[in-house]
Protein backbone atom coordinates (compact mmCIF):
# COMPACT_ATOMS: atom_id res chain seq x y z
CA MET A 1 -52.70 -108.64 67.92
CA ARG A 2 -53.64 -109.36 64.33
CA GLY A 3 -51.02 -112.10 64.11
CA ALA A 4 -52.57 -113.93 67.04
CA ARG A 5 -55.95 -113.83 65.35
CA ILE A 6 -54.44 -115.23 62.14
CA GLU A 7 -52.75 -118.05 64.06
CA GLU A 8 -55.95 -118.98 65.87
CA ALA A 9 -58.15 -118.84 62.77
CA PRO A 10 -57.29 -122.34 61.43
CA ASP A 11 -58.22 -123.87 64.78
CA ARG A 12 -61.52 -122.01 64.79
CA ALA A 13 -62.17 -123.05 61.19
CA GLN A 14 -61.53 -126.71 62.02
CA ALA A 15 -63.83 -126.49 65.04
CA THR A 16 -66.54 -125.00 62.84
CA GLU A 17 -65.97 -127.76 60.30
CA ARG A 18 -66.49 -130.42 62.96
CA GLU A 19 -69.72 -128.78 64.14
CA SER A 20 -71.17 -128.61 60.64
CA SER A 21 -70.90 -132.16 59.43
CA SER A 22 -71.99 -131.34 55.91
CA SER A 23 -70.33 -133.08 53.00
CA ALA A 24 -69.53 -129.77 51.26
CA PHE A 25 -65.87 -128.93 50.69
CA ASP A 26 -64.68 -126.17 53.04
CA PRO A 27 -61.67 -124.25 51.67
CA LEU A 28 -61.40 -121.99 54.73
CA PRO A 29 -58.76 -124.02 56.62
CA LEU A 30 -56.58 -124.18 53.50
CA MET A 31 -56.98 -120.48 52.78
CA LEU A 32 -56.13 -119.58 56.36
CA ALA A 33 -53.07 -121.84 56.31
CA ARG A 34 -51.96 -120.12 53.10
CA ARG A 35 -52.42 -116.72 54.70
CA LEU A 36 -50.39 -117.81 57.71
CA LYS A 37 -47.57 -119.02 55.45
CA HIS A 38 -47.55 -115.68 53.64
CA ALA A 39 -47.44 -113.80 56.94
CA ALA A 40 -44.51 -115.96 58.09
CA ALA A 41 -42.70 -115.30 54.81
CA ASP A 42 -43.29 -111.55 55.24
CA VAL A 43 -41.86 -111.64 58.75
CA GLU A 44 -38.81 -113.54 57.49
CA PHE A 45 -38.33 -111.02 54.65
CA ILE A 46 -38.55 -108.08 57.05
CA ASP A 47 -35.96 -109.72 59.30
CA ASP A 48 -33.61 -110.31 56.33
CA PHE A 49 -34.16 -106.73 55.16
CA ARG A 50 -33.38 -105.38 58.63
CA ARG A 51 -30.14 -107.38 58.84
CA ALA A 52 -29.04 -106.25 55.38
CA TYR A 53 -29.80 -102.63 56.23
CA GLU A 54 -27.86 -102.84 59.50
CA GLN A 55 -24.86 -104.34 57.68
CA TRP A 56 -24.99 -101.59 55.05
CA ARG A 57 -25.30 -98.94 57.72
CA GLY A 58 -22.36 -100.41 59.63
CA ARG A 59 -20.16 -100.41 56.51
CA ARG A 60 -21.17 -96.84 55.73
CA PHE A 61 -20.36 -95.73 59.28
CA ASP A 62 -17.02 -97.58 59.22
CA SER A 63 -15.99 -95.96 55.93
CA ARG A 64 -16.71 -92.50 57.34
CA THR A 65 -14.58 -93.04 60.42
CA SER A 66 -11.64 -94.91 58.87
CA PRO A 67 -8.41 -92.97 58.18
CA ALA A 68 -8.43 -94.02 54.51
CA ALA A 69 -11.85 -92.47 54.05
CA ALA A 70 -10.66 -89.20 55.57
CA ALA A 71 -7.72 -88.87 53.13
CA PRO A 72 -8.37 -86.94 49.90
CA ARG A 73 -8.94 -89.15 46.89
CA ARG A 74 -6.72 -88.84 43.85
CA SER A 75 -8.08 -88.91 40.35
CA ALA A 76 -7.50 -92.07 38.33
CA THR A 77 -6.53 -90.03 35.24
CA PRO A 78 -3.48 -87.78 35.34
CA ARG A 79 -4.08 -84.07 34.85
CA ALA A 80 -2.47 -82.29 31.96
CA ARG A 81 0.02 -79.67 33.08
CA GLY A 82 0.13 -76.60 31.06
């Protein structure tokens, strides 16, 4: 819902700009476009994060179910016998 309002805001700002034909600089359309770009970047980041998490989770699940993961691990240093 909020995303739709953000996407429509530049159009509303431009319509308002046309109605008020003053010669003053109106930064609103630029600010709204910037906000929309940031929202798009956030959505892209969340999508990348989700994919990375799913890959990590898949690798973790695979390592738990593989036969090599079930075998006991041996120490890299030999134990002293005494």
